[in-house]
Amino acid sequence: MATPAYFLPLGAVDGGYERFLATESAVSVWAHTMQHGAPPSALLARAVEQCSPREGMRVTRLTMEILGPIPVAEVDVRAWVERPGKRIELVAAELAALLPDGTRRVVAKASAWRIATTDTAGVALAADAPLPPVPPTTEASWDVPAGWDVGYVRTVDIRVLPESAGARHVWVRSHSAVVDGEPVTPIGTVFAVADIANGIGAQLDPAHYTFLNTDLTVDLFRLPVSEWIGLSVATSIGPDGVGMCSTVLHDEQGPIGRALQILEVRARD
């Protein structure tokens, strides 16, 4: 079932930015005033993909740095080529919130490597084992933690697989477009769901702890060819308030890459 897009396009504005209005589909589980990490990461990935695209090059790695709460409101996004190159180039992007006085405050940044592609089908391989197929019924649905069945979480379909080797395995697909009226690209398909790994792999009760991620890095050695994205998630918690969520990403043909998130872990008062 389709749900509203994460963002409504409002057109180009000064400074080379595009303006978007975040919808209720982007709302975070941590506060109704802030966005979940997945929609803005997908919007930044969109900006990177559309920045001076070149035939035969694709995004291979994108890191989003979350600089502060991203409001569920109008946001401006722009991207530029930071380091041009014939075979490898670095693209940067930023997402800014609008302040009451009309100025902008950058709340998220991204950097991405684009690499020229060549035919290596004859030597292709994956280091990780594929996931079992997507379960055919909703009987395998994720048991959503109390209070988390809001906003973004309602836009995704999650099918749970048995745990193994300390990791949690799920299939996820989003029912929302990143931007209203636009088809979702393979890159967008990944970023529309990758940030949920932190929630899927949670080792702490969110009623007693918060564990927001400060970043998201996705490395893709292959682009996905299915709408379902598999997540094999393992989370570690350190002794000093820092955690790490490590994820193997899959499509229905096998592994496609990895994601990594650093977590700020705090006990609730």
C-alpha atoms as a PDB file:
ATOM      1  CA  MET A   1       0.000   0.000   0.000  1.00  0.00           C
ATOM      2  CA  ALA A   2       1.468   3.337  -1.046  1.00  0.00           C
ATOM      3  CA  THR A   3       2.015   5.957   1.647  1.00  0.00           C
ATOM      4  CA  PRO A   4       2.703   9.684   1.159  1.00  0.00           C
ATOM      5  CA  ALA A   5       6.135  10.556  -0.213  1.00  0.00           C
ATOM      6  CA  TYR A   6       8.748  11.624   2.294  1.00  0.00           C
ATOM      7  CA  PHE A   7       9.143  15.015   0.634  1.00  0.00           C
ATOM      8  CA  LEU A   8       7.062  17.370  -1.488  1.00  0.00           C
ATOM      9  CA  PRO A   9       9.107  19.391  -4.027  1.00  0.00           C
ATOM     10  CA  LEU A  10       8.782  23.171  -3.705  1.00  0.00           C
ATOM     11  CA  GLY A  11      11.174  24.198  -6.486  1.00  0.00           C
ATOM     12  CA  ALA A  12      14.554  25.858  -6.851  1.00  0.00           C
ATOM     13  CA  VAL A  13      15.592  28.662  -4.508  1.00  0.00           C
ATOM     14  CA  ASP A  14      18.630  30.930  -4.197  1.00  0.00           C
ATOM     15  CA  GLY A  15      22.119  29.579  -3.646  1.00  0.00           C
ATOM     16  CA  GLY A  16      21.669  26.563  -5.891  1.00  0.00           C
ATOM     17  CA  TYR A  17      19.344  24.850  -3.434  1.00  0.00           C
ATOM     18  CA  GLU A  18      16.166  22.886  -4.033  1.00  0.00           C
ATOM     19  CA  ARG A  19      13.443  23.264  -1.413  1.00  0.00           C
ATOM     20  CA  PHE A  20      11.310  20.419  -0.089  1.00  0.00           C
ATOM     21  CA  LEU A  21       8.601  20.012   2.510  1.00  0.00           C
ATOM     22  CA  ALA A  22       9.002  16.964   4.733  1.00  0.00           C
ATOM     23  CA  THR A  23       5.749  15.063   5.277  1.00  0.00           C
ATOM     24  CA  GLU A  24       4.487  13.022   8.215  1.00  0.00           C
ATOM     25  CA  SER A  25       6.023   9.987   6.506  1.00  0.00           C
ATOM     26  CA  ALA A  26       9.469  11.294   7.520  1.00  0.00           C
ATOM     27  CA  VAL A  27       8.758  11.562  11.274  1.00  0.00           C
ATOM     28  CA  SER A  28      11.289   9.949  13.636  1.00  0.00           C
ATOM     29  CA  VAL A  29      10.561   7.478  16.420  1.00  0.00           C
ATOM     30  CA  TRP A  30      12.529   9.686  18.828  1.00  0.00           C
ATOM     31  CA  ALA A  31      10.485  12.901  18.485  1.00  0.00           C
ATOM     32  CA  HIS A  32       7.558  13.964  16.309  1.00  0.00           C
ATOM     33  CA  THR A  33       9.354  17.230  15.463  1.00  0.00           C
ATOM     34  CA  MET A  34      12.400  15.580  13.881  1.00  0.00           C
ATOM     35  CA  GLN A  35      12.957  13.377  10.859  1.00  0.00           C
ATOM     36  CA  HIS A  36      14.015   9.752  10.896  1.00  0.00           C
ATOM     37  CA  GLY A  37      17.468   9.387   9.364  1.00  0.00           C
ATOM     38  CA  ALA A  38      16.344   7.416   6.313  1.00  0.00           C
ATOM     39  CA  PRO A  39      14.355  10.098   4.426  1.00  0.00           C
ATOM     40  CA  PRO A  40      17.035  12.833   4.587  1.00  0.00           C
ATOM     41  CA  SER A  41      19.753  10.343   3.667  1.00  0.00           C
ATOM     42  CA  ALA A  42      17.687   9.352   0.624  1.00  0.00           C
ATOM     43  CA  LEU A  43      17.158  13.027  -0.260  1.00  0.00           C
ATOM     44  CA  LEU A  44      20.896  13.700  -0.043  1.00  0.00           C
ATOM     45  CA  ALA A  45      21.573  10.612  -2.164  1.00  0.00           C
ATOM     46  CA  ARG A  46      19.104  11.948  -4.741  1.00  0.00           C
ATOM     47  CA  ALA A  47      20.967  15.272  -4.810  1.00  0.00           C
ATOM     48  CA  VAL A  48      24.285  13.474  -5.299  1.00  0.00           C
ATOM     49  CA  GLU A  49      22.889  11.343  -8.129  1.00  0.00           C
ATOM     50  CA  GLN A  50      21.492  14.388  -9.922  1.00  0.00           C
ATOM     51  CA  CYS A  51      24.651  16.489  -9.537  1.00  0.00           C
ATOM     52  CA  SER A  52      26.481  16.597 -12.889  1.00  0.00           C
ATOM     53  CA  PRO A  53      25.706  12.938 -13.654  1.00  0.00           C
ATOM     54  CA  ARG A  54      27.974  11.154 -16.120  1.00  0.00           C
ATOM     55  CA  GLU A  55      27.241   8.080 -18.181  1.00  0.00           C
ATOM     56  CA  GLY A  56      29.162   5.072 -16.917  1.00  0.00           C
ATOM     57  CA  MET A  57      29.740   6.389 -13.376  1.00  0.00           C
ATOM     58  CA  ARG A  58      27.793   5.502 -10.251  1.00  0.00           C
ATOM     59  CA  VAL A  59      27.700   6.174  -6.522  1.00  0.00           C
ATOM     60  CA  THR A  60      29.763   3.568  -4.662  1.00  0.00           C
ATOM     61  CA  ARG A  61      29.960   5.061  -1.174  1.00  0.00           C
ATOM     62  CA  LEU A  62      27.937   7.761   0.567  1.00  0.00           C
ATOM     63  CA  THR A  63      28.352   9.025   4.116  1.00  0.00           C
ATOM     64  CA  MET A  64      25.772  11.236   5.796  1.00  0.00           C
ATOM     65  CA  GLU A  65      26.841  13.227   8.851  1.00  0.00           C
ATOM     66  CA  ILE A  66      23.888  14.274  11.023  1.00  0.00           C
ATOM     67  CA  LEU A  67      24.790  17.654  12.526  1.00  0.00           C
ATOM     68  CA  GLY A  68      21.626  18.113  14.572  1.00  0.00           C
ATOM     69  CA  PRO A  69      17.903  17.359  14.649  1.00  0.00           C
ATOM     70  CA  ILE A  70      16.443  17.554  11.137  1.00  0.00           C
ATOM     71  CA  PRO A  71      13.038  19.241  11.428  1.00  0.00           C
ATOM     72  CA  VAL A  72       9.834  17.955   9.872  1.00  0.00           C
ATOM     73  CA  ALA A  73       9.466  21.168   7.903  1.00  0.00           C
ATOM     74  CA  GLU A  74      10.826  22.882   4.805  1.00  0.00           C
ATOM     75  CA  VAL A  75      14.445  21.972   4.046  1.00  0.00           C
ATOM     76  CA  ASP A  76      16.881  23.067   1.350  1.00  0.00           C
ATOM     77  CA  VAL A  77      19.302  20.696  -0.385  1.00  0.00           C
ATOM     78  CA  ARG A  78      22.185  21.239  -2.791  1.00  0.00           C
ATOM     79  CA  ALA A  79      25.100  19.205  -4.140  1.00  0.00           C
ATOM     80  CA  TRP A  80      28.353  19.942  -5.947  1.00  0.00           C
ATOM     81  CA  VAL A  81      31.381  18.120  -7.336  1.00  0.00           C
ATOM     82  CA  GLU A  82      34.096  18.455  -4.707  1.00  0.00           C
ATOM     83  CA  ARG A  83      36.832  16.633  -6.588  1.00  0.00           C
ATOM     84  CA  PRO A  84      36.321  15.980 -10.317  1.00  0.00           C
ATOM     85  CA  GLY A  85      38.066  13.116 -12.035  1.00  0.00           C
ATOM     86  CA  LYS A  86      37.979  10.959 -15.129  1.00  0.00           C
ATOM     87  CA  ARG A  87      37.467   7.661 -13.290  1.00  0.00           C
ATOM     88  CA  ILE A  88      36.856   8.702  -9.669  1.00  0.00           C
ATOM     89  CA  GLU A  89      35.150  11.816  -8.363  1.00  0.00           C
ATOM     90  CA  LEU A  90      33.949  13.085  -5.001  1.00  0.00           C
ATOM     91  CA  VAL A  91      30.520  14.704  -4.695  1.00  0.00           C
ATOM     92  CA  ALA A  92      29.347  16.650  -1.648  1.00  0.00           C
ATOM     93  CA  ALA A  93      25.853  17.642  -0.559  1.00  0.00           C
ATOM     94  CA  GLU A  94      24.190  19.441   2.312  1.00  0.00           C
ATOM     95  CA  LEU A  95      20.719  19.707   3.786  1.00  0.00           C
ATOM     96  CA  ALA A  96      19.749  22.916   5.550  1.00  0.00           C
ATOM     97  CA  ALA A  97      16.860  23.838   7.816  1.00  0.00           C
ATOM     98  CA  LEU A  98      15.195  27.215   7.496  1.00  0.00           C
ATOM     99  CA  LEU A  99      15.400  29.482  10.557  1.00  0.00           C
ATOM    100  CA  PRO A 100      12.684  32.000  11.565  1.00  0.00           C
ATOM    101  CA  ASP A 101      14.796  34.910  10.291  1.00  0.00           C
ATOM    102  CA  GLY A 102      15.001  33.345   6.820  1.00  0.00           C
ATOM    103  CA  THR A 103      18.590  32.130   7.112  1.00  0.00           C
ATOM    104  CA  ARG A 104      19.695  28.516   6.803  1.00  0.00           C
ATOM    105  CA  ARG A 105      21.354  26.144   9.245  1.00  0.00           C
ATOM    106  CA  VAL A 106      23.023  23.064   7.783  1.00  0.00           C
ATOM    107  CA  VAL A 107      21.744  20.018   9.693  1.00  0.00           C
ATOM    108  CA  ALA A 108      23.197  17.208   7.558  1.00  0.00           C
ATOM    109  CA  LYS A 109      26.073  16.771   5.132  1.00  0.00           C
ATOM    110  CA  ALA A 110      26.996  14.027   2.715  1.00  0.00           C
ATOM    111  CA  SER A 111      30.050  13.018   0.740  1.00  0.00           C
ATOM    112  CA  ALA A 112      30.002  10.370  -1.956  1.00  0.00           C
ATOM    113  CA  TRP A 113      32.475   8.658  -4.234  1.00  0.00           C
ATOM    114  CA  ARG A 114      31.458   8.025  -7.814  1.00  0.00           C
ATOM    115  CA  ILE A 115      33.525   5.536  -9.794  1.00  0.00           C
ATOM    116  CA  ALA A 116      33.568   4.786 -13.515  1.00  0.00           C
ATOM    117  CA  THR A 117      32.148   1.332 -14.152  1.00  0.00           C
ATOM    118  CA  THR A 118      33.655  -1.426 -16.273  1.00  0.00           C
ATOM    119  CA  ASP A 119      32.691  -5.024 -17.027  1.00  0.00           C
ATOM    120  CA  THR A 120      33.879  -7.376 -14.266  1.00  0.00           C
ATOM    121  CA  ALA A 121      30.929  -9.806 -14.455  1.00  0.00           C
ATOM    122  CA  GLY A 122      33.299 -12.677 -15.154  1.00  0.00           C
ATOM    123  CA  VAL A 123      35.074 -12.273 -11.809  1.00  0.00           C
ATOM    124  CA  ALA A 124      32.175 -11.003  -9.659  1.00  0.00           C
ATOM    125  CA  LEU A 125      31.884 -12.465  -6.148  1.00  0.00           C
ATOM    126  CA  ALA A 126      30.425 -11.649  -2.728  1.00  0.00           C
ATOM    127  CA  ALA A 127      32.132 -12.264   0.611  1.00  0.00           C
ATOM    128  CA  ASP A 128      28.858 -12.681   2.526  1.00  0.00           C
ATOM    129  CA  ALA A 129      26.235 -15.399   2.224  1.00  0.00           C
ATOM    130  CA  PRO A 130      22.837 -14.453   0.757  1.00  0.00           C
ATOM    131  CA  LEU A 131      19.757 -14.174   2.949  1.00  0.00           C
ATOM    132  CA  PRO A 132      16.854 -16.619   2.734  1.00  0.00           C
ATOM    133  CA  PRO A 133      14.005 -15.408   0.483  1.00  0.00           C
ATOM    134  CA  VAL A 134      11.502 -12.791   1.626  1.00  0.00           C
ATOM    135  CA  PRO A 135       8.881 -14.536   3.800  1.00  0.00           C
ATOM    136  CA  PRO A 136       5.619 -14.710   1.831  1.00  0.00           C
ATOM    137  CA  THR A 137       3.280 -13.484   4.569  1.00  0.00           C
ATOM    138  CA  THR A 138       3.097 -10.722   7.144  1.00  0.00           C
ATOM    139  CA  GLU A 139       3.311 -13.369   9.880  1.00  0.00           C
ATOM    140  CA  ALA A 140       7.023 -12.550   9.926  1.00  0.00           C
ATOM    141  CA  SER A 141       6.434  -8.838  10.559  1.00  0.00           C
ATOM    142  CA  TRP A 142       8.715  -6.904  12.900  1.00  0.00           C
ATOM    143  CA  ASP A 143       7.535  -6.562  16.503  1.00  0.00           C
ATOM    144  CA  VAL A 144       7.645  -2.761  16.639  1.00  0.00           C
ATOM    145  CA  PRO A 145       8.784  -1.401  20.036  1.00  0.00           C
ATOM    146  CA  ALA A 146       6.181   0.517  22.037  1.00  0.00           C
ATOM    147  CA  GLY A 147       5.810   4.086  20.790  1.00  0.00           C
ATOM    148  CA  TRP A 148       7.699   3.465  17.548  1.00  0.00           C
ATOM    149  CA  ASP A 149       4.704   2.799  15.296  1.00  0.00           C
ATOM    150  CA  VAL A 150       4.717   6.344  13.939  1.00  0.00           C
ATOM    151  CA  GLY A 151       5.765   8.343  10.902  1.00  0.00           C
ATOM    152  CA  TYR A 152       8.558   6.723   8.945  1.00  0.00           C
ATOM    153  CA  VAL A 153       8.131   3.267  10.501  1.00  0.00           C
ATOM    154  CA  ARG A 154       4.593   3.141   9.104  1.00  0.00           C
ATOM    155  CA  THR A 155       5.944   3.586   5.562  1.00  0.00           C
ATOM    156  CA  VAL A 156       8.001   0.398   5.528  1.00  0.00           C
ATOM    157  CA  ASP A 157       7.157  -3.283   5.318  1.00  0.00           C
ATOM    158  CA  ILE A 158       9.504  -5.386   7.453  1.00  0.00           C
ATOM    159  CA  ARG A 159       9.749  -9.189   7.307  1.00  0.00           C
ATOM    160  CA  VAL A 160      11.804 -10.866  10.015  1.00  0.00           C
ATOM    161  CA  LEU A 161      14.079 -13.869   9.485  1.00  0.00           C
ATOM    162  CA  PRO A 162      15.571 -16.101  12.214  1.00  0.00           C
ATOM    163  CA  GLU A 163      18.596 -14.683  14.028  1.00  0.00           C
ATOM    164  CA  SER A 164      21.993 -16.278  13.492  1.00  0.00           C
ATOM    165  CA  ALA A 165      25.564 -15.686  14.625  1.00  0.00           C
ATOM    166  CA  GLY A 166      24.507 -12.751  16.802  1.00  0.00           C
ATOM    167  CA  ALA A 167      22.935 -10.854  13.906  1.00  0.00           C
ATOM    168  CA  ARG A 168      19.336  -9.934  13.154  1.00  0.00           C
ATOM    169  CA  HIS A 169      18.114 -10.459   9.619  1.00  0.00           C
ATOM    170  CA  VAL A 170      15.164  -8.704   7.989  1.00  0.00           C
ATOM    171  CA  TRP A 171      13.817  -7.785   4.592  1.00  0.00           C
ATOM    172  CA  VAL A 172      12.590  -4.196   4.262  1.00  0.00           C
ATOM    173  CA  ARG A 173      10.845  -2.221   1.540  1.00  0.00           C
ATOM    174  CA  SER A 174       9.481   1.293   1.563  1.00  0.00           C
ATOM    175  CA  HIS A 175       6.029   2.137   0.263  1.00  0.00           C
ATOM    176  CA  SER A 176       6.878   5.843  -0.097  1.00  0.00           C
ATOM    177  CA  ALA A 177       8.610   7.735  -2.867  1.00  0.00           C
ATOM    178  CA  VAL A 178      11.539   9.860  -1.749  1.00  0.00           C
ATOM    179  CA  VAL A 179      10.159  12.887  -3.621  1.00  0.00           C
ATOM    180  CA  ASP A 180       6.529  13.071  -4.614  1.00  0.00           C
ATOM    181  CA  GLY A 181       5.973  12.319  -8.304  1.00  0.00           C
ATOM    182  CA  GLU A 182       9.436  10.871  -8.927  1.00  0.00           C
ATOM    183  CA  PRO A 183      10.400   7.228  -9.480  1.00  0.00           C
ATOM    184  CA  VAL A 184      12.809   5.818  -6.915  1.00  0.00           C
ATOM    185  CA  THR A 185      16.257   4.908  -8.245  1.00  0.00           C
ATOM    186  CA  PRO A 186      18.200   1.828  -7.087  1.00  0.00           C
ATOM    187  CA  ILE A 187      20.331   4.103  -4.897  1.00  0.00           C
ATOM    188  CA  GLY A 188      17.176   5.663  -3.483  1.00  0.00           C
ATOM    189  CA  THR A 189      15.768   2.213  -2.746  1.00  0.00           C
ATOM    190  CA  VAL A 190      18.761   1.479  -0.507  1.00  0.00           C
ATOM    191  CA  PHE A 191      18.816   4.805   1.302  1.00  0.00           C
ATOM    192  CA  ALA A 192      15.064   4.784   1.883  1.00  0.00           C
ATOM    193  CA  VAL A 193      15.618   1.910   4.326  1.00  0.00           C
ATOM    194  CA  ALA A 194      19.307   1.614   5.308  1.00  0.00           C
ATOM    195  CA  ASP A 195      19.126   3.915   8.334  1.00  0.00           C
ATOM    196  CA  ILE A 196      16.480   1.727   9.992  1.00  0.00           C
ATOM    197  CA  ALA A 197      19.233  -0.811  10.720  1.00  0.00           C
ATOM    198  CA  ASN A 198      19.930   0.898  14.053  1.00  0.00           C
ATOM    199  CA  GLY A 199      16.354   0.254  15.161  1.00  0.00           C
ATOM    200  CA  ILE A 200      16.249  -3.285  13.809  1.00  0.00           C
ATOM    201  CA  GLY A 201      19.472  -4.201  15.579  1.00  0.00           C
ATOM    202  CA  ALA A 202      18.621  -2.477  18.872  1.00  0.00           C
ATOM    203  CA  GLN A 203      20.106  -4.267  21.887  1.00  0.00           C
ATOM    204  CA  LEU A 204      18.636  -1.852  24.436  1.00  0.00           C
ATOM    205  CA  ASP A 205      15.048  -1.109  25.455  1.00  0.00           C
ATOM    206  CA  PRO A 206      14.132   2.302  23.963  1.00  0.00           C
ATOM    207  CA  ALA A 207      11.935   2.903  27.010  1.00  0.00           C
ATOM    208  CA  HIS A 208      15.117   3.087  29.103  1.00  0.00           C
ATOM    209  CA  TYR A 209      17.803   4.186  26.625  1.00  0.00           C
ATOM    210  CA  THR A 210      18.210   6.374  23.576  1.00  0.00           C
ATOM    211  CA  PHE A 211      20.674   5.343  20.879  1.00  0.00           C
ATOM    212  CA  LEU A 212      20.535   7.846  18.035  1.00  0.00           C
ATOM    213  CA  ASN A 213      23.060   7.456  15.236  1.00  0.00           C
ATOM    214  CA  THR A 214      25.256  10.416  14.355  1.00  0.00           C
ATOM    215  CA  ASP A 215      26.021   9.200  10.850  1.00  0.00           C
ATOM    216  CA  LEU A 216      25.321   6.630   8.164  1.00  0.00           C
ATOM    217  CA  THR A 217      27.861   5.209   5.728  1.00  0.00           C
ATOM    218  CA  VAL A 218      26.757   2.944   2.886  1.00  0.00           C
ATOM    219  CA  ASP A 219      29.216   1.152   0.579  1.00  0.00           C
ATOM    220  CA  LEU A 220      27.746  -0.568  -2.479  1.00  0.00           C
ATOM    221  CA  PHE A 221      29.768  -2.963  -4.624  1.00  0.00           C
ATOM    222  CA  ARG A 222      26.597  -3.727  -6.599  1.00  0.00           C
ATOM    223  CA  LEU A 223      23.371  -1.810  -7.218  1.00  0.00           C
ATOM    224  CA  PRO A 224      20.155  -3.478  -6.055  1.00  0.00           C
ATOM    225  CA  VAL A 225      17.755  -4.967  -8.584  1.00  0.00           C
ATOM    226  CA  SER A 226      14.783  -5.551  -6.266  1.00  0.00           C
ATOM    227  CA  GLU A 227      12.510  -3.349  -4.177  1.00  0.00           C
ATOM    228  CA  TRP A 228      13.164  -5.491  -1.098  1.00  0.00           C
ATOM    229  CA  ILE A 229      16.432  -4.709   0.706  1.00  0.00           C
ATOM    230  CA  GLY A 230      17.831  -7.236   3.162  1.00  0.00           C
ATOM    231  CA  LEU A 231      19.577  -6.147   6.356  1.00  0.00           C
ATOM    232  CA  SER A 232      21.841  -8.412   8.403  1.00  0.00           C
ATOM    233  CA  VAL A 233      22.426  -6.256  11.469  1.00  0.00           C
ATOM    234  CA  ALA A 234      24.866  -6.613  14.370  1.00  0.00           C
ATOM    235  CA  THR A 235      25.073  -3.984  17.120  1.00  0.00           C
ATOM    236  CA  SER A 236      27.821  -3.472  19.705  1.00  0.00           C
ATOM    237  CA  ILE A 237      27.625  -1.215  22.776  1.00  0.00           C
ATOM    238  CA  GLY A 238      30.819   0.124  24.328  1.00  0.00           C
ATOM    239  CA  PRO A 239      31.410   0.953  28.024  1.00  0.00           C
ATOM    240  CA  ASP A 240      31.438   4.734  27.547  1.00  0.00           C
ATOM    241  CA  GLY A 241      28.173   5.671  25.822  1.00  0.00           C
ATOM    242  CA  VAL A 242      29.146   4.788  22.249  1.00  0.00           C
ATOM    243  CA  GLY A 243      27.678   2.020  20.116  1.00  0.00           C
ATOM    244  CA  MET A 244      28.158   0.734  16.577  1.00  0.00           C
ATOM    245  CA  CYS A 245      25.641  -0.804  14.207  1.00  0.00           C
ATOM    246  CA  SER A 246      27.142  -2.830  11.340  1.00  0.00           C
ATOM    247  CA  THR A 247      24.950  -4.124   8.518  1.00  0.00           C
ATOM    248  CA  VAL A 248      25.351  -6.314   5.466  1.00  0.00           C
ATOM    249  CA  LEU A 249      22.990  -5.092   2.728  1.00  0.00           C
ATOM    250  CA  HIS A 250      21.265  -7.468   0.312  1.00  0.00           C
ATOM    251  CA  ASP A 251      18.821  -7.535  -2.557  1.00  0.00           C
ATOM    252  CA  GLU A 252      16.919 -10.634  -3.632  1.00  0.00           C
ATOM    253  CA  GLN A 253      19.929 -11.819  -5.666  1.00  0.00           C
ATOM    254  CA  GLY A 254      22.436 -11.619  -2.815  1.00  0.00           C
ATOM    255  CA  PRO A 255      24.700  -9.199  -0.917  1.00  0.00           C
ATOM    256  CA  ILE A 256      25.203  -5.710  -2.358  1.00  0.00           C
ATOM    257  CA  GLY A 257      27.243  -3.853   0.264  1.00  0.00           C
ATOM    258  CA  ARG A 258      27.501  -2.716   3.866  1.00  0.00           C
ATOM    259  CA  ALA A 259      26.261   0.053   6.141  1.00  0.00           C
ATOM    260  CA  LEU A 260      27.786   1.430   9.334  1.00  0.00           C
ATOM    261  CA  GLN A 261      26.347   3.722  12.010  1.00  0.00           C
ATOM    262  CA  ILE A 262      27.915   5.153  15.174  1.00  0.00           C
ATOM    263  CA  LEU A 263      25.466   5.486  18.068  1.00  0.00           C
ATOM    264  CA  GLU A 264      25.228   7.950  20.950  1.00  0.00           C
ATOM    265  CA  VAL A 265      23.926   5.791  23.802  1.00  0.00           C
ATOM    266  CA  ARG A 266      22.267   7.487  26.783  1.00  0.00           C
ATOM    267  CA  ALA A 267      20.154   6.247  29.687  1.00  0.00           C
ATOM    268  CA  ARG A 268      16.829   8.030  29.948  1.00  0.00           C
ATOM    269  CA  ASP A 269      16.295  10.136  33.076  1.00  0.00           C
END
